[in-house]
Amino acid sequence: MPADIQITGLCKSYRDKKVLDNLSLTIKAGSITALMAPSGAGKTTLLRILMGLETPDSGTILGLTNQRISAVFQEDRLCDNLSPVSNIRLTAGTHFPRRAITDALEATGILSCAAQPVRELSGGQRRRVALLRALLAPYDLLLLDEPFKGLDAQTRLQVITYTQTALQTAAADSPTPKTVLLVTHSPEEATLLATQTLSLV
């Protein structure tokens, strides 16, 4: 069963710039934790370390063993020649019901472009595909790095509402805790989605 993620004394520097300085915090299993801090405070670096894409200079992280990780990066990282449906199936699996994918596309306002190559989509549409790709994948730990950036106010609220429902459904349908770490600058996003808020500063 997924455990709490315990981060102790984490340090990371790039050349002479210290990004994480003796960071210690606990992310409770099954929580939706909003991580807030000013730009440059190391939020994205922390997520990259949790994903194994960066190595800390020192410190320990416990609780990641055997955890399936799904993520939304600051960059969309989509396969440009594939449609939204095909991009989502890359992580959700080829047997994931197409109806579930089209329902998600409709709920986030992008069903009309379901068959287009994502290279033809706007930035906001691509952002929604990237989010759905992460939400519909199997995961124990979901990492969301500014997942709603680039969306206008009305679309942002629509997508946050869908995300609330998707997270609640995933938690209810799983026999083990689903843990979510949301990096955001927005107190509103933290209030709407998170069960706890942590700061790096």
C-alpha atoms as a PDB file:
ATOM      1  CA  MET A   1       0.000   0.000   0.000  1.00  0.00           C
ATOM      2  CA  PRO A   2       1.360   3.476  -0.863  1.00  0.00           C
ATOM      3  CA  ALA A   3       2.960   5.173   2.121  1.00  0.00           C
ATOM      4  CA  ASP A   4       3.447   8.784   3.139  1.00  0.00           C
ATOM      5  CA  ILE A   5       6.205  10.448   1.135  1.00  0.00           C
ATOM      6  CA  GLN A   6       8.776  11.714   3.607  1.00  0.00           C
ATOM      7  CA  ILE A   7      11.303  14.246   2.328  1.00  0.00           C
ATOM      8  CA  THR A   8      14.188  15.029   4.657  1.00  0.00           C
ATOM      9  CA  GLY A   9      17.059  17.475   4.252  1.00  0.00           C
ATOM     10  CA  LEU A  10      16.720  17.732   0.483  1.00  0.00           C
ATOM     11  CA  CYS A  11      19.293  19.969  -1.224  1.00  0.00           C
ATOM     12  CA  LYS A  12      19.757  20.759  -4.901  1.00  0.00           C
ATOM     13  CA  SER A  13      21.941  23.351  -6.600  1.00  0.00           C
ATOM     14  CA  TYR A  14      22.630  24.213 -10.222  1.00  0.00           C
ATOM     15  CA  ARG A  15      26.212  25.512 -10.395  1.00  0.00           C
ATOM     16  CA  ASP A  16      26.255  28.300  -7.814  1.00  0.00           C
ATOM     17  CA  LYS A  17      22.469  28.627  -7.498  1.00  0.00           C
ATOM     18  CA  LYS A  18      20.905  26.795  -4.558  1.00  0.00           C
ATOM     19  CA  VAL A  19      17.362  25.788  -5.507  1.00  0.00           C
ATOM     20  CA  LEU A  20      16.402  23.499  -2.616  1.00  0.00           C
ATOM     21  CA  ASP A  21      18.046  24.115   0.733  1.00  0.00           C
ATOM     22  CA  ASN A  22      17.523  21.458   3.390  1.00  0.00           C
ATOM     23  CA  LEU A  23      13.871  20.912   2.463  1.00  0.00           C
ATOM     24  CA  SER A  24      11.882  18.614   4.733  1.00  0.00           C
ATOM     25  CA  LEU A  25       8.182  17.885   4.406  1.00  0.00           C
ATOM     26  CA  THR A  26       5.686  15.012   4.484  1.00  0.00           C
ATOM     27  CA  ILE A  27       3.073  14.351   1.824  1.00  0.00           C
ATOM     28  CA  LYS A  28       0.366  12.214   3.374  1.00  0.00           C
ATOM     29  CA  ALA A  29      -0.771   9.155   1.449  1.00  0.00           C
ATOM     30  CA  GLY A  30      -4.214   9.817   0.007  1.00  0.00           C
ATOM     31  CA  SER A  31      -3.934  13.588   0.355  1.00  0.00           C
ATOM     32  CA  ILE A  32      -4.287  16.258  -2.288  1.00  0.00           C
ATOM     33  CA  THR A  33      -1.472  18.599  -1.344  1.00  0.00           C
ATOM     34  CA  ALA A  34      -1.017  22.037  -2.867  1.00  0.00           C
ATOM     35  CA  LEU A  35       2.598  23.177  -2.931  1.00  0.00           C
ATOM     36  CA  MET A  36       2.922  26.950  -3.085  1.00  0.00           C
ATOM     37  CA  ALA A  37       5.975  29.207  -3.328  1.00  0.00           C
ATOM     38  CA  PRO A  38       7.246  32.075  -5.493  1.00  0.00           C
ATOM     39  CA  SER A  39       8.778  31.376  -8.894  1.00  0.00           C
ATOM     40  CA  GLY A  40      12.297  30.009  -8.602  1.00  0.00           C
ATOM     41  CA  ALA A  41      11.724  28.495  -5.166  1.00  0.00           C
ATOM     42  CA  GLY A  42      12.275  24.939  -6.404  1.00  0.00           C
ATOM     43  CA  LYS A  43       8.748  23.579  -6.843  1.00  0.00           C
ATOM     44  CA  THR A  44       9.352  22.135 -10.305  1.00  0.00           C
ATOM     45  CA  THR A  45      12.770  20.859  -9.254  1.00  0.00           C
ATOM     46  CA  LEU A  46      11.155  18.959  -6.404  1.00  0.00           C
ATOM     47  CA  LEU A  47       8.660  17.334  -8.771  1.00  0.00           C
ATOM     48  CA  ARG A  48      11.458  16.361 -11.154  1.00  0.00           C
ATOM     49  CA  ILE A  49      13.337  14.756  -8.272  1.00  0.00           C
ATOM     50  CA  LEU A  50      10.225  12.833  -7.231  1.00  0.00           C
ATOM     51  CA  MET A  51       9.906  11.581 -10.830  1.00  0.00           C
ATOM     52  CA  GLY A  52      13.545  10.507 -10.924  1.00  0.00           C
ATOM     53  CA  LEU A  53      14.435  13.065 -13.604  1.00  0.00           C
ATOM     54  CA  GLU A  54      16.826  14.928 -11.297  1.00  0.00           C
ATOM     55  CA  THR A  55      19.147  13.695  -8.553  1.00  0.00           C
ATOM     56  CA  PRO A  56      19.350  15.671  -5.299  1.00  0.00           C
ATOM     57  CA  ASP A  57      22.748  16.733  -4.002  1.00  0.00           C
ATOM     58  CA  SER A  58      21.815  15.402  -0.564  1.00  0.00           C
ATOM     59  CA  GLY A  59      18.831  14.365   1.514  1.00  0.00           C
ATOM     60  CA  THR A  60      16.426  11.443   1.464  1.00  0.00           C
ATOM     61  CA  ILE A  61      12.998  10.638   0.090  1.00  0.00           C
ATOM     62  CA  LEU A  62      11.050   7.702   1.510  1.00  0.00           C
ATOM     63  CA  GLY A  63       7.730   6.309   0.300  1.00  0.00           C
ATOM     64  CA  LEU A  64       8.187   6.213  -3.477  1.00  0.00           C
ATOM     65  CA  THR A  65       8.941   2.495  -3.786  1.00  0.00           C
ATOM     66  CA  ASN A  66       6.581   0.755  -6.236  1.00  0.00           C
ATOM     67  CA  GLN A  67       4.492   3.889  -6.695  1.00  0.00           C
ATOM     68  CA  ARG A  68       3.076   4.418 -10.187  1.00  0.00           C
ATOM     69  CA  ILE A  69       3.597   8.077 -11.047  1.00  0.00           C
ATOM     70  CA  SER A  70       1.582  10.142 -13.498  1.00  0.00           C
ATOM     71  CA  ALA A  71       2.427  13.773 -14.189  1.00  0.00           C
ATOM     72  CA  VAL A  72       1.561  17.010 -15.919  1.00  0.00           C
ATOM     73  CA  PHE A  73       4.748  18.898 -16.740  1.00  0.00           C
ATOM     74  CA  GLN A  74       5.030  22.642 -17.297  1.00  0.00           C
ATOM     75  CA  GLU A  75       5.560  21.702 -20.956  1.00  0.00           C
ATOM     76  CA  ASP A  76       2.739  19.729 -22.576  1.00  0.00           C
ATOM     77  CA  ARG A  77       4.992  16.926 -23.902  1.00  0.00           C
ATOM     78  CA  LEU A  78       2.379  15.603 -26.302  1.00  0.00           C
ATOM     79  CA  CYS A  79       2.970  13.538 -29.439  1.00  0.00           C
ATOM     80  CA  ASP A  80       2.224  16.184 -32.051  1.00  0.00           C
ATOM     81  CA  ASN A  81       1.152  13.857 -34.851  1.00  0.00           C
ATOM     82  CA  LEU A  82      -1.361  11.970 -32.701  1.00  0.00           C
ATOM     83  CA  SER A  83      -4.912  12.992 -31.837  1.00  0.00           C
ATOM     84  CA  PRO A  84      -6.004  13.825 -28.283  1.00  0.00           C
ATOM     85  CA  VAL A  85      -7.594  10.372 -28.021  1.00  0.00           C
ATOM     86  CA  SER A  86      -4.384   8.620 -29.111  1.00  0.00           C
ATOM     87  CA  ASN A  87      -2.255  10.767 -26.789  1.00  0.00           C
ATOM     88  CA  ILE A  88      -4.452   9.825 -23.848  1.00  0.00           C
ATOM     89  CA  ARG A  89      -4.336   6.146 -24.770  1.00  0.00           C
ATOM     90  CA  LEU A  90      -0.545   6.222 -24.608  1.00  0.00           C
ATOM     91  CA  THR A  91      -0.842   6.441 -20.821  1.00  0.00           C
ATOM     92  CA  ALA A  92      -4.377   5.169 -20.125  1.00  0.00           C
ATOM     93  CA  GLY A  93      -3.810   2.024 -22.213  1.00  0.00           C
ATOM     94  CA  THR A  94      -5.194   0.807 -25.519  1.00  0.00           C
ATOM     95  CA  HIS A  95      -8.047  -1.005 -23.779  1.00  0.00           C
ATOM     96  CA  PHE A  96      -9.225   2.108 -21.923  1.00  0.00           C
ATOM     97  CA  PRO A  97     -12.825   2.749 -23.040  1.00  0.00           C
ATOM     98  CA  ARG A  98     -13.069   5.295 -25.844  1.00  0.00           C
ATOM     99  CA  ARG A  99     -16.348   6.538 -24.365  1.00  0.00           C
ATOM    100  CA  ALA A 100     -14.568   7.449 -21.139  1.00  0.00           C
ATOM    101  CA  ILE A 101     -12.012   9.435 -23.115  1.00  0.00           C
ATOM    102  CA  THR A 102     -14.613  11.270 -25.202  1.00  0.00           C
ATOM    103  CA  ASP A 103     -16.629  12.020 -22.048  1.00  0.00           C
ATOM    104  CA  ALA A 104     -13.503  13.599 -20.533  1.00  0.00           C
ATOM    105  CA  LEU A 105     -12.839  15.598 -23.700  1.00  0.00           C
ATOM    106  CA  GLU A 106     -16.444  16.832 -23.684  1.00  0.00           C
ATOM    107  CA  ALA A 107     -16.309  17.753 -19.997  1.00  0.00           C
ATOM    108  CA  THR A 108     -13.233  19.888 -20.597  1.00  0.00           C
ATOM    109  CA  GLY A 109     -14.545  21.490 -23.797  1.00  0.00           C
ATOM    110  CA  ILE A 110     -12.313  19.879 -26.419  1.00  0.00           C
ATOM    111  CA  LEU A 111     -14.463  17.080 -27.867  1.00  0.00           C
ATOM    112  CA  SER A 112     -14.668  18.920 -31.193  1.00  0.00           C
ATOM    113  CA  CYS A 113     -10.937  18.412 -31.779  1.00  0.00           C
ATOM    114  CA  ALA A 114     -10.816  14.755 -30.689  1.00  0.00           C
ATOM    115  CA  ALA A 115      -9.611  13.524 -34.091  1.00  0.00           C
ATOM    116  CA  GLN A 116      -7.197  16.353 -34.947  1.00  0.00           C
ATOM    117  CA  PRO A 117      -3.428  16.039 -34.601  1.00  0.00           C
ATOM    118  CA  VAL A 118      -2.566  17.919 -31.422  1.00  0.00           C
ATOM    119  CA  ARG A 119      -0.059  20.044 -33.384  1.00  0.00           C
ATOM    120  CA  GLU A 120      -3.120  21.834 -34.787  1.00  0.00           C
ATOM    121  CA  LEU A 121      -4.569  22.664 -31.378  1.00  0.00           C
ATOM    122  CA  SER A 122      -4.254  25.896 -29.429  1.00  0.00           C
ATOM    123  CA  GLY A 123      -2.095  26.128 -26.333  1.00  0.00           C
ATOM    124  CA  GLY A 124      -5.109  25.900 -24.043  1.00  0.00           C
ATOM    125  CA  GLN A 125      -6.463  22.870 -25.866  1.00  0.00           C
ATOM    126  CA  ARG A 126      -3.089  21.143 -25.688  1.00  0.00           C
ATOM    127  CA  ARG A 127      -2.924  21.891 -21.975  1.00  0.00           C
ATOM    128  CA  ARG A 128      -6.232  20.155 -21.425  1.00  0.00           C
ATOM    129  CA  VAL A 129      -5.086  17.087 -23.379  1.00  0.00           C
ATOM    130  CA  ALA A 130      -1.930  16.923 -21.253  1.00  0.00           C
ATOM    131  CA  LEU A 131      -4.009  17.092 -18.075  1.00  0.00           C
ATOM    132  CA  LEU A 132      -6.434  14.397 -19.229  1.00  0.00           C
ATOM    133  CA  ARG A 133      -3.536  12.172 -20.226  1.00  0.00           C
ATOM    134  CA  ALA A 134      -2.262  12.334 -16.645  1.00  0.00           C
ATOM    135  CA  LEU A 135      -5.650  12.079 -14.923  1.00  0.00           C
ATOM    136  CA  LEU A 136      -6.800   9.034 -16.912  1.00  0.00           C
ATOM    137  CA  ALA A 137      -3.539   7.104 -16.528  1.00  0.00           C
ATOM    138  CA  PRO A 138      -3.211   4.505 -13.753  1.00  0.00           C
ATOM    139  CA  TYR A 139      -1.320   6.107 -10.858  1.00  0.00           C
ATOM    140  CA  ASP A 140      -0.629   6.024  -7.142  1.00  0.00           C
ATOM    141  CA  LEU A 141       1.046   9.439  -7.145  1.00  0.00           C
ATOM    142  CA  LEU A 142      -0.169  12.241  -9.413  1.00  0.00           C
ATOM    143  CA  LEU A 143       2.125  15.251  -9.885  1.00  0.00           C
ATOM    144  CA  LEU A 144       0.533  18.380 -11.369  1.00  0.00           C
ATOM    145  CA  ASP A 145       2.862  21.255 -12.276  1.00  0.00           C
ATOM    146  CA  GLU A 146       0.731  24.364 -12.904  1.00  0.00           C
ATOM    147  CA  PRO A 147      -1.819  22.212 -14.756  1.00  0.00           C
ATOM    148  CA  PHE A 148      -4.261  25.043 -15.521  1.00  0.00           C
ATOM    149  CA  LYS A 149      -1.810  27.624 -16.864  1.00  0.00           C
ATOM    150  CA  GLY A 150      -2.768  29.298 -20.118  1.00  0.00           C
ATOM    151  CA  LEU A 151      -6.512  28.787 -19.650  1.00  0.00           C
ATOM    152  CA  ASP A 152      -8.956  31.686 -19.604  1.00  0.00           C
ATOM    153  CA  ALA A 153     -10.994  32.161 -16.435  1.00  0.00           C
ATOM    154  CA  GLN A 154     -14.148  30.384 -17.637  1.00  0.00           C
ATOM    155  CA  THR A 155     -12.281  27.423 -19.121  1.00  0.00           C
ATOM    156  CA  ARG A 156     -10.044  27.191 -16.076  1.00  0.00           C
ATOM    157  CA  LEU A 157     -13.039  26.849 -13.754  1.00  0.00           C
ATOM    158  CA  GLN A 158     -14.586  24.241 -16.072  1.00  0.00           C
ATOM    159  CA  VAL A 159     -11.385  22.192 -16.082  1.00  0.00           C
ATOM    160  CA  ILE A 160     -10.874  22.521 -12.323  1.00  0.00           C
ATOM    161  CA  THR A 161     -14.429  21.263 -11.803  1.00  0.00           C
ATOM    162  CA  TYR A 162     -13.719  18.254 -14.012  1.00  0.00           C
ATOM    163  CA  THR A 163     -10.435  17.638 -12.176  1.00  0.00           C
ATOM    164  CA  GLN A 164     -12.244  17.658  -8.822  1.00  0.00           C
ATOM    165  CA  THR A 165     -14.624  14.989 -10.087  1.00  0.00           C
ATOM    166  CA  ALA A 166     -11.863  12.908 -11.666  1.00  0.00           C
ATOM    167  CA  LEU A 167      -9.787  12.914  -8.470  1.00  0.00           C
ATOM    168  CA  GLN A 168     -12.805  11.989  -6.340  1.00  0.00           C
ATOM    169  CA  THR A 169     -13.736   9.160  -8.711  1.00  0.00           C
ATOM    170  CA  ALA A 170     -10.178   7.803  -8.816  1.00  0.00           C
ATOM    171  CA  ALA A 171      -9.978   7.820  -5.025  1.00  0.00           C
ATOM    172  CA  ALA A 172     -13.373   6.152  -4.613  1.00  0.00           C
ATOM    173  CA  ASP A 173     -12.621   3.440  -7.172  1.00  0.00           C
ATOM    174  CA  SER A 174      -9.182   2.535  -5.794  1.00  0.00           C
ATOM    175  CA  PRO A 175      -8.506   0.057  -2.968  1.00  0.00           C
ATOM    176  CA  THR A 176      -5.313   1.993  -2.135  1.00  0.00           C
ATOM    177  CA  PRO A 177      -4.757   5.716  -1.478  1.00  0.00           C
ATOM    178  CA  LYS A 178      -4.256   8.065  -4.421  1.00  0.00           C
ATOM    179  CA  THR A 179      -1.838  10.866  -3.570  1.00  0.00           C
ATOM    180  CA  VAL A 180      -1.813  14.141  -5.479  1.00  0.00           C
ATOM    181  CA  LEU A 181       0.795  16.917  -5.369  1.00  0.00           C
ATOM    182  CA  LEU A 182      -0.356  20.139  -7.045  1.00  0.00           C
ATOM    183  CA  VAL A 183       2.166  22.894  -7.751  1.00  0.00           C
ATOM    184  CA  THR A 184       0.348  26.187  -8.113  1.00  0.00           C
ATOM    185  CA  HIS A 185       0.653  29.933  -7.599  1.00  0.00           C
ATOM    186  CA  SER A 186      -3.114  30.228  -7.187  1.00  0.00           C
ATOM    187  CA  PRO A 187      -4.690  30.224  -3.709  1.00  0.00           C
ATOM    188  CA  GLU A 188      -8.035  29.614  -5.447  1.00  0.00           C
ATOM    189  CA  GLU A 189      -6.776  26.400  -7.060  1.00  0.00           C
ATOM    190  CA  ALA A 190      -5.356  25.260  -3.729  1.00  0.00           C
ATOM    191  CA  THR A 191      -8.655  25.969  -1.971  1.00  0.00           C
ATOM    192  CA  LEU A 192     -10.773  24.213  -4.604  1.00  0.00           C
ATOM    193  CA  LEU A 193      -8.651  21.084  -4.973  1.00  0.00           C
ATOM    194  CA  ALA A 194      -6.348  20.509  -2.034  1.00  0.00           C
ATOM    195  CA  THR A 195      -6.853  18.905   1.358  1.00  0.00           C
ATOM    196  CA  GLN A 196      -3.672  20.552   2.649  1.00  0.00           C
ATOM    197  CA  THR A 197      -1.337  23.339   1.523  1.00  0.00           C
ATOM    198  CA  LEU A 198       2.427  23.396   2.020  1.00  0.00           C
ATOM    199  CA  SER A 199       4.950  26.117   1.263  1.00  0.00           C
ATOM    200  CA  LEU A 200       8.603  25.865   0.280  1.00  0.00           C
ATOM    201  CA  VAL A 201       9.355  29.217   1.913  1.00  0.00           C
END
